[in-house]
Amino acid sequence: TYCSPCLDEMPHLEKFRASLPADVAKDLVIVSLTDQSDLEMPKKFGTLQDFRQNLGVTYPFARYGRAFRDLFPHSGIPTNYVIGRDGVLRYVDGGFTPQKFAALRKSVQGELRKKVSR
């Protein structure tokens, strides 16, 4: 949550979502997952809620546990997952670089273009 690559990526996620038309952005769900509780956050950051607000991050933060780690192993930090409208994992990659973010963005855009089947 507060590692340097995670902090670097968060504004890019915010800008990406803000760049989408409103009718498309409503279909994009971003959640920042952490295994740290408020008690484990360095005091300078306060609570997870304080941390999120101080960064200007509008998407939610949530804690995860062992079950999530078992289903979705980490390949670096941050690790990004794109789950399609059909519930299928479509993309996973770890670490933050401009090139990796471009690949994440392309994957998300591809999924957002797909029709919703009901």
N, C-alpha and C. Protein backbone atom coordinates (compact mmCIF):
# COMPACT_ATOMS: atom_id res chain seq x y z
N THR A 1 0.82 -1.19 0.00
CA THR A 1 0.00 0.00 0.00
C THR A 1 0.86 1.25 0.00
N TYR A 2 1.85 1.29 0.86
CA TYR A 2 2.67 2.50 0.94
C TYR A 2 4.07 2.29 0.40
N CYS A 3 4.30 1.21 -0.33
CA CYS A 3 5.61 1.02 -0.95
C CYS A 3 5.75 2.02 -2.10
N SER A 4 6.97 2.31 -2.45
CA SER A 4 7.23 3.31 -3.48
C SER A 4 6.54 3.00 -4.81
N PRO A 5 6.63 1.76 -5.35
CA PRO A 5 5.95 1.49 -6.61
C PRO A 5 4.42 1.66 -6.51
N CYS A 6 3.85 1.29 -5.37
CA CYS A 6 2.40 1.44 -5.19
C CYS A 6 2.03 2.92 -5.19
N LEU A 7 2.81 3.71 -4.45
CA LEU A 7 2.56 5.15 -4.40
C LEU A 7 2.72 5.79 -5.78
N ASP A 8 3.67 5.30 -6.56
CA ASP A 8 3.87 5.83 -7.91
C ASP A 8 2.69 5.51 -8.81
N GLU A 9 2.10 4.33 -8.63
CA GLU A 9 1.03 3.90 -9.52
C GLU A 9 -0.32 4.55 -9.23
N MET A 10 -0.60 4.83 -7.98
CA MET A 10 -1.94 5.31 -7.60
C MET A 10 -2.41 6.53 -8.39
N PRO A 11 -1.60 7.56 -8.57
CA PRO A 11 -2.09 8.70 -9.36
C PRO A 11 -2.37 8.33 -10.82
N HIS A 12 -1.63 7.38 -11.35
CA HIS A 12 -1.87 6.94 -12.73
C HIS A 12 -3.23 6.25 -12.84
N LEU A 13 -3.57 5.44 -11.84
CA LEU A 13 -4.89 4.79 -11.85
C LEU A 13 -6.00 5.83 -11.79
N GLU A 14 -5.83 6.83 -10.93
CA GLU A 14 -6.82 7.90 -10.82
C GLU A 14 -6.97 8.65 -12.15
N LYS A 15 -5.85 9.02 -12.77
CA LYS A 15 -5.89 9.76 -14.04
C LYS A 15 -6.50 8.91 -15.14
N PHE A 16 -6.16 7.62 -15.15
CA PHE A 16 -6.71 6.73 -16.18
C PHE A 16 -8.23 6.68 -16.08
N ARG A 17 -8.74 6.45 -14.88
CA ARG A 17 -10.20 6.38 -14.71
C ARG A 17 -10.83 7.72 -15.07
N ALA A 18 -10.21 8.83 -14.68
CA ALA A 18 -10.76 10.15 -14.99
C ALA A 18 -10.76 10.44 -16.49
N SER A 19 -9.88 9.78 -17.23
CA SER A 19 -9.80 10.02 -18.68
C SER A 19 -10.89 9.29 -19.46
N LEU A 20 -11.57 8.36 -18.81
CA LEU A 20 -12.60 7.58 -19.49
C LEU A 20 -13.92 8.35 -19.52
N PRO A 21 -14.70 8.18 -20.60
CA PRO A 21 -16.04 8.77 -20.60
C PRO A 21 -16.83 8.21 -19.42
N ALA A 22 -17.71 9.01 -18.86
CA ALA A 22 -18.46 8.62 -17.65
C ALA A 22 -19.21 7.31 -17.83
N ASP A 23 -19.80 7.10 -19.02
CA ASP A 23 -20.56 5.87 -19.22
C ASP A 23 -19.67 4.63 -19.29
N VAL A 24 -18.39 4.82 -19.56
CA VAL A 24 -17.43 3.71 -19.57
C VAL A 24 -16.79 3.56 -18.19
N ALA A 25 -16.44 4.68 -17.58
CA ALA A 25 -15.79 4.66 -16.26
C ALA A 25 -16.65 3.97 -15.21
N LYS A 26 -17.96 4.04 -15.35
CA LYS A 26 -18.83 3.40 -14.36
C LYS A 26 -18.66 1.88 -14.33
N ASP A 27 -18.13 1.32 -15.40
CA ASP A 27 -17.93 -0.12 -15.47
C ASP A 27 -16.55 -0.56 -14.98
N LEU A 28 -15.70 0.39 -14.62
CA LEU A 28 -14.35 0.07 -14.14
C LEU A 28 -14.34 0.13 -12.62
N VAL A 29 -14.00 -0.98 -12.01
CA VAL A 29 -13.90 -1.05 -10.55
C VAL A 29 -12.43 -1.19 -10.19
N ILE A 30 -11.94 -0.25 -9.42
CA ILE A 30 -10.56 -0.29 -8.93
C ILE A 30 -10.63 -0.44 -7.42
N VAL A 31 -9.89 -1.40 -6.90
CA VAL A 31 -9.80 -1.60 -5.46
C VAL A 31 -8.33 -1.82 -5.13
N SER A 32 -7.83 -1.09 -4.17
CA SER A 32 -6.46 -1.30 -3.70
C SER A 32 -6.52 -2.26 -2.53
N LEU A 33 -5.85 -3.38 -2.67
CA LEU A 33 -5.84 -4.39 -1.62
C LEU A 33 -4.54 -4.34 -0.84
N THR A 34 -4.66 -4.52 0.45
CA THR A 34 -3.49 -4.53 1.31
C THR A 34 -3.64 -5.63 2.35
N ASP A 35 -2.53 -6.12 2.82
CA ASP A 35 -2.58 -7.10 3.90
C ASP A 35 -2.29 -6.43 5.24
N GLN A 36 -2.27 -5.12 5.25
CA GLN A 36 -1.94 -4.39 6.47
C GLN A 36 -3.17 -3.77 7.11
N SER A 37 -3.21 -3.86 8.42
CA SER A 37 -4.29 -3.24 9.17
C SER A 37 -3.88 -1.82 9.54
N ASP A 38 -4.82 -1.06 10.07
CA ASP A 38 -4.50 0.28 10.55
C ASP A 38 -3.38 0.24 11.57
N LEU A 39 -3.34 -0.80 12.39
CA LEU A 39 -2.32 -0.91 13.43
C LEU A 39 -0.93 -1.14 12.84
N GLU A 40 -0.87 -1.72 11.64
CA GLU A 40 0.41 -2.03 11.01
C GLU A 40 0.92 -0.90 10.12
N MET A 41 0.09 0.09 9.85
CA MET A 41 0.51 1.22 9.02
C MET A 41 1.49 2.08 9.81
N PRO A 42 2.53 2.57 9.16
CA PRO A 42 3.42 3.50 9.87
C PRO A 42 2.62 4.69 10.39
N LYS A 43 2.93 5.14 11.57
CA LYS A 43 2.17 6.22 12.21
C LYS A 43 2.07 7.47 11.34
N LYS A 44 3.09 7.74 10.54
CA LYS A 44 3.05 8.94 9.71
C LYS A 44 1.92 8.92 8.69
N PHE A 45 1.40 7.71 8.36
CA PHE A 45 0.32 7.60 7.39
C PHE A 45 -1.05 7.61 8.06
N GLY A 46 -1.14 7.38 9.35
CA GLY A 46 -2.43 7.31 10.02
C GLY A 46 -3.14 6.02 9.66
N THR A 47 -4.45 6.08 9.56
CA THR A 47 -5.24 4.90 9.20
C THR A 47 -5.21 4.71 7.68
N LEU A 48 -5.68 3.58 7.21
CA LEU A 48 -5.78 3.36 5.76
C LEU A 48 -6.66 4.44 5.13
N GLN A 49 -7.74 4.79 5.82
CA GLN A 49 -8.65 5.83 5.31
C GLN A 49 -7.93 7.18 5.22
N ASP A 50 -7.18 7.53 6.26
CA ASP A 50 -6.40 8.78 6.24
C ASP A 50 -5.41 8.76 5.09
N PHE A 51 -4.72 7.65 4.94
CA PHE A 51 -3.71 7.48 3.90
C PHE A 51 -4.33 7.70 2.52
N ARG A 52 -5.45 7.07 2.28
CA ARG A 52 -6.17 7.17 1.00
C ARG A 52 -6.59 8.62 0.75
N GLN A 53 -7.16 9.25 1.73
CA GLN A 53 -7.63 10.63 1.56
C GLN A 53 -6.46 11.58 1.34
N ASN A 54 -5.37 11.40 2.06
CA ASN A 54 -4.21 12.28 1.90
C ASN A 54 -3.59 12.17 0.52
N LEU A 55 -3.71 11.00 -0.09
CA LEU A 55 -3.19 10.81 -1.45
C LEU A 55 -4.16 11.31 -2.52
N GLY A 56 -5.40 11.56 -2.13
CA GLY A 56 -6.40 11.96 -3.11
C GLY A 56 -6.91 10.79 -3.93
N VAL A 57 -6.83 9.59 -3.37
CA VAL A 57 -7.29 8.38 -4.05
C VAL A 57 -8.78 8.22 -3.78
N THR A 58 -9.56 8.08 -4.84
CA THR A 58 -11.01 7.98 -4.68
C THR A 58 -11.51 6.54 -4.67
N TYR A 59 -10.70 5.61 -5.13
CA TYR A 59 -11.14 4.22 -5.11
C TYR A 59 -10.88 3.62 -3.72
N PRO A 60 -11.63 2.58 -3.37
CA PRO A 60 -11.53 2.04 -2.01
C PRO A 60 -10.28 1.19 -1.78
N PHE A 61 -9.92 1.09 -0.52
CA PHE A 61 -8.88 0.18 -0.06
C PHE A 61 -9.57 -0.91 0.73
N ALA A 62 -9.07 -2.13 0.65
CA ALA A 62 -9.63 -3.25 1.40
C ALA A 62 -8.49 -4.15 1.85
N ARG A 63 -8.72 -4.84 2.95
CA ARG A 63 -7.73 -5.80 3.43
C ARG A 63 -8.01 -7.16 2.84
N TYR A 64 -6.96 -7.91 2.62
CA TYR A 64 -7.12 -9.28 2.15
C TYR A 64 -6.35 -10.22 3.07
N GLY A 65 -6.66 -11.48 2.96
CA GLY A 65 -6.01 -12.47 3.80
C GLY A 65 -5.42 -13.61 3.01
N ARG A 66 -5.17 -14.69 3.70
CA ARG A 66 -4.50 -15.85 3.11
C ARG A 66 -5.28 -16.43 1.92
N ALA A 67 -6.60 -16.48 2.00
CA ALA A 67 -7.39 -17.06 0.91
C ALA A 67 -7.15 -16.31 -0.40
N PHE A 68 -7.10 -14.99 -0.33
CA PHE A 68 -6.84 -14.20 -1.53
C PHE A 68 -5.44 -14.48 -2.05
N ARG A 69 -4.46 -14.50 -1.15
CA ARG A 69 -3.07 -14.76 -1.55
C ARG A 69 -2.95 -16.13 -2.22
N ASP A 70 -3.71 -17.10 -1.72
CA ASP A 70 -3.65 -18.44 -2.31
C ASP A 70 -4.25 -18.46 -3.71
N LEU A 71 -5.33 -17.69 -3.92
CA LEU A 71 -5.97 -17.64 -5.23
C LEU A 71 -5.23 -16.75 -6.22
N PHE A 72 -4.65 -15.68 -5.71
CA PHE A 72 -4.00 -14.69 -6.56
C PHE A 72 -2.60 -14.40 -6.03
N PRO A 73 -1.64 -15.26 -6.35
CA PRO A 73 -0.29 -15.02 -5.84
C PRO A 73 0.30 -13.73 -6.41
N HIS A 74 1.19 -13.13 -5.64
CA HIS A 74 1.86 -11.90 -6.03
C HIS A 74 2.99 -12.20 -7.00
N SER A 75 3.19 -11.31 -7.94
CA SER A 75 4.35 -11.43 -8.82
C SER A 75 5.20 -10.17 -8.74
N GLY A 76 4.97 -9.37 -7.75
CA GLY A 76 5.68 -8.11 -7.55
C GLY A 76 4.72 -7.12 -6.92
N ILE A 77 5.22 -5.95 -6.55
CA ILE A 77 4.33 -4.95 -6.00
C ILE A 77 4.44 -3.67 -6.80
N PRO A 78 3.33 -3.07 -7.11
CA PRO A 78 1.97 -3.60 -6.92
C PRO A 78 1.70 -4.73 -7.92
N THR A 79 0.78 -5.60 -7.60
CA THR A 79 0.33 -6.60 -8.55
C THR A 79 -1.05 -6.18 -9.03
N ASN A 80 -1.23 -6.15 -10.33
CA ASN A 80 -2.50 -5.74 -10.93
C ASN A 80 -3.18 -6.93 -11.57
N TYR A 81 -4.47 -7.01 -11.33
CA TYR A 81 -5.31 -8.06 -11.90
C TYR A 81 -6.43 -7.39 -12.68
N VAL A 82 -6.71 -7.88 -13.87
CA VAL A 82 -7.88 -7.44 -14.62
C VAL A 82 -8.79 -8.65 -14.72
N ILE A 83 -9.97 -8.49 -14.16
CA ILE A 83 -10.98 -9.54 -14.22
C ILE A 83 -12.06 -9.04 -15.16
N GLY A 84 -12.33 -9.82 -16.20
CA GLY A 84 -13.29 -9.41 -17.22
C GLY A 84 -14.72 -9.43 -16.71
N ARG A 85 -15.59 -8.90 -17.51
CA ARG A 85 -17.01 -8.87 -17.17
C ARG A 85 -17.57 -10.27 -16.94
N ASP A 86 -16.89 -11.25 -17.55
CA ASP A 86 -17.32 -12.64 -17.43
C ASP A 86 -16.75 -13.33 -16.19
N GLY A 87 -16.00 -12.58 -15.38
CA GLY A 87 -15.43 -13.14 -14.16
C GLY A 87 -14.12 -13.88 -14.37
N VAL A 88 -13.59 -13.87 -15.58
CA VAL A 88 -12.36 -14.58 -15.90
C VAL A 88 -11.16 -13.63 -15.73
N LEU A 89 -10.12 -14.13 -15.09
CA LEU A 89 -8.90 -13.35 -14.93
C LEU A 89 -8.26 -13.18 -16.30
N ARG A 90 -8.12 -11.94 -16.75
CA ARG A 90 -7.63 -11.65 -18.10
C ARG A 90 -6.20 -11.13 -18.13
N TYR A 91 -5.72 -10.61 -17.00
CA TYR A 91 -4.41 -9.99 -16.98
C TYR A 91 -3.88 -10.00 -15.57
N VAL A 92 -2.59 -10.27 -15.44
CA VAL A 92 -1.91 -10.14 -14.15
C VAL A 92 -0.46 -9.77 -14.42
N ASP A 93 0.03 -8.82 -13.66
CA ASP A 93 1.44 -8.44 -13.78
C ASP A 93 1.83 -7.70 -12.51
N GLY A 94 3.09 -7.80 -12.17
CA GLY A 94 3.57 -7.16 -10.95
C GLY A 94 4.62 -6.12 -11.25
N GLY A 95 4.67 -5.13 -10.39
CA GLY A 95 5.63 -4.04 -10.52
C GLY A 95 5.01 -2.87 -11.24
N PHE A 96 5.65 -1.74 -11.12
CA PHE A 96 5.15 -0.55 -11.81
C PHE A 96 6.27 0.09 -12.61
N THR A 97 6.03 0.19 -13.90
CA THR A 97 6.85 0.97 -14.81
C THR A 97 5.87 1.59 -15.80
N PRO A 98 6.26 2.62 -16.51
CA PRO A 98 5.35 3.18 -17.53
C PRO A 98 4.92 2.13 -18.56
N GLN A 99 5.83 1.23 -18.92
CA GLN A 99 5.49 0.19 -19.90
C GLN A 99 4.47 -0.79 -19.33
N LYS A 100 4.66 -1.19 -18.08
CA LYS A 100 3.71 -2.11 -17.46
C LYS A 100 2.35 -1.45 -17.30
N PHE A 101 2.34 -0.16 -16.96
CA PHE A 101 1.07 0.53 -16.81
C PHE A 101 0.36 0.65 -18.15
N ALA A 102 1.11 0.86 -19.22
CA ALA A 102 0.52 0.92 -20.56
C ALA A 102 -0.13 -0.42 -20.91
N ALA A 103 0.50 -1.52 -20.55
CA ALA A 103 -0.07 -2.85 -20.81
C ALA A 103 -1.33 -3.06 -19.98
N LEU A 104 -1.31 -2.63 -18.73
CA LEU A 104 -2.50 -2.72 -17.87
C LEU A 104 -3.65 -1.92 -18.47
N ARG A 105 -3.34 -0.71 -18.86
CA ARG A 105 -4.34 0.18 -19.44
C ARG A 105 -4.95 -0.44 -20.71
N LYS A 106 -4.10 -1.01 -21.55
CA LYS A 106 -4.59 -1.65 -22.79
C LYS A 106 -5.51 -2.82 -22.47
N SER A 107 -5.15 -3.61 -21.47
CA SER A 107 -5.99 -4.74 -21.07
C SER A 107 -7.35 -4.26 -20.56
N VAL A 108 -7.33 -3.25 -19.71
CA VAL A 108 -8.59 -2.71 -19.17
C VAL A 108 -9.44 -2.15 -20.29
N GLN A 109 -8.85 -1.37 -21.18
CA GLN A 109 -9.61 -0.80 -22.28
C GLN A 109 -10.24 -1.88 -23.16
N GLY A 110 -9.50 -2.96 -23.40
CA GLY A 110 -10.04 -4.06 -24.18
C GLY A 110 -11.24 -4.71 -23.50
N GLU A 111 -11.14 -4.88 -22.19
CA GLU A 111 -12.27 -5.47 -21.45
C GLU A 111 -13.46 -4.53 -21.42
N LEU A 112 -13.22 -3.23 -21.30
CA LEU A 112 -14.32 -2.26 -21.25
C LEU A 112 -15.05 -2.17 -22.59
N ARG A 113 -14.36 -2.49 -23.68
CA ARG A 113 -15.00 -2.47 -25.00
C ARG A 113 -15.92 -3.66 -25.24
N LYS A 114 -15.74 -4.71 -24.49
CA LYS A 114 -16.55 -5.91 -24.69
C LYS A 114 -17.98 -5.65 -24.25
N LYS A 115 -18.91 -6.24 -24.97
CA LYS A 115 -20.32 -6.12 -24.65
C LYS A 115 -20.64 -6.91 -23.39
N VAL A 116 -21.59 -6.41 -22.65
CA VAL A 116 -22.06 -7.11 -21.46
C VAL A 116 -23.08 -8.13 -21.91
N SER A 117 -22.85 -9.39 -21.56
CA SER A 117 -23.83 -10.43 -21.91
C SER A 117 -24.59 -10.81 -20.63
N ARG A 118 -25.86 -10.76 -20.73
CA ARG A 118 -26.70 -11.04 -19.54
C ARG A 118 -27.54 -12.25 -19.77
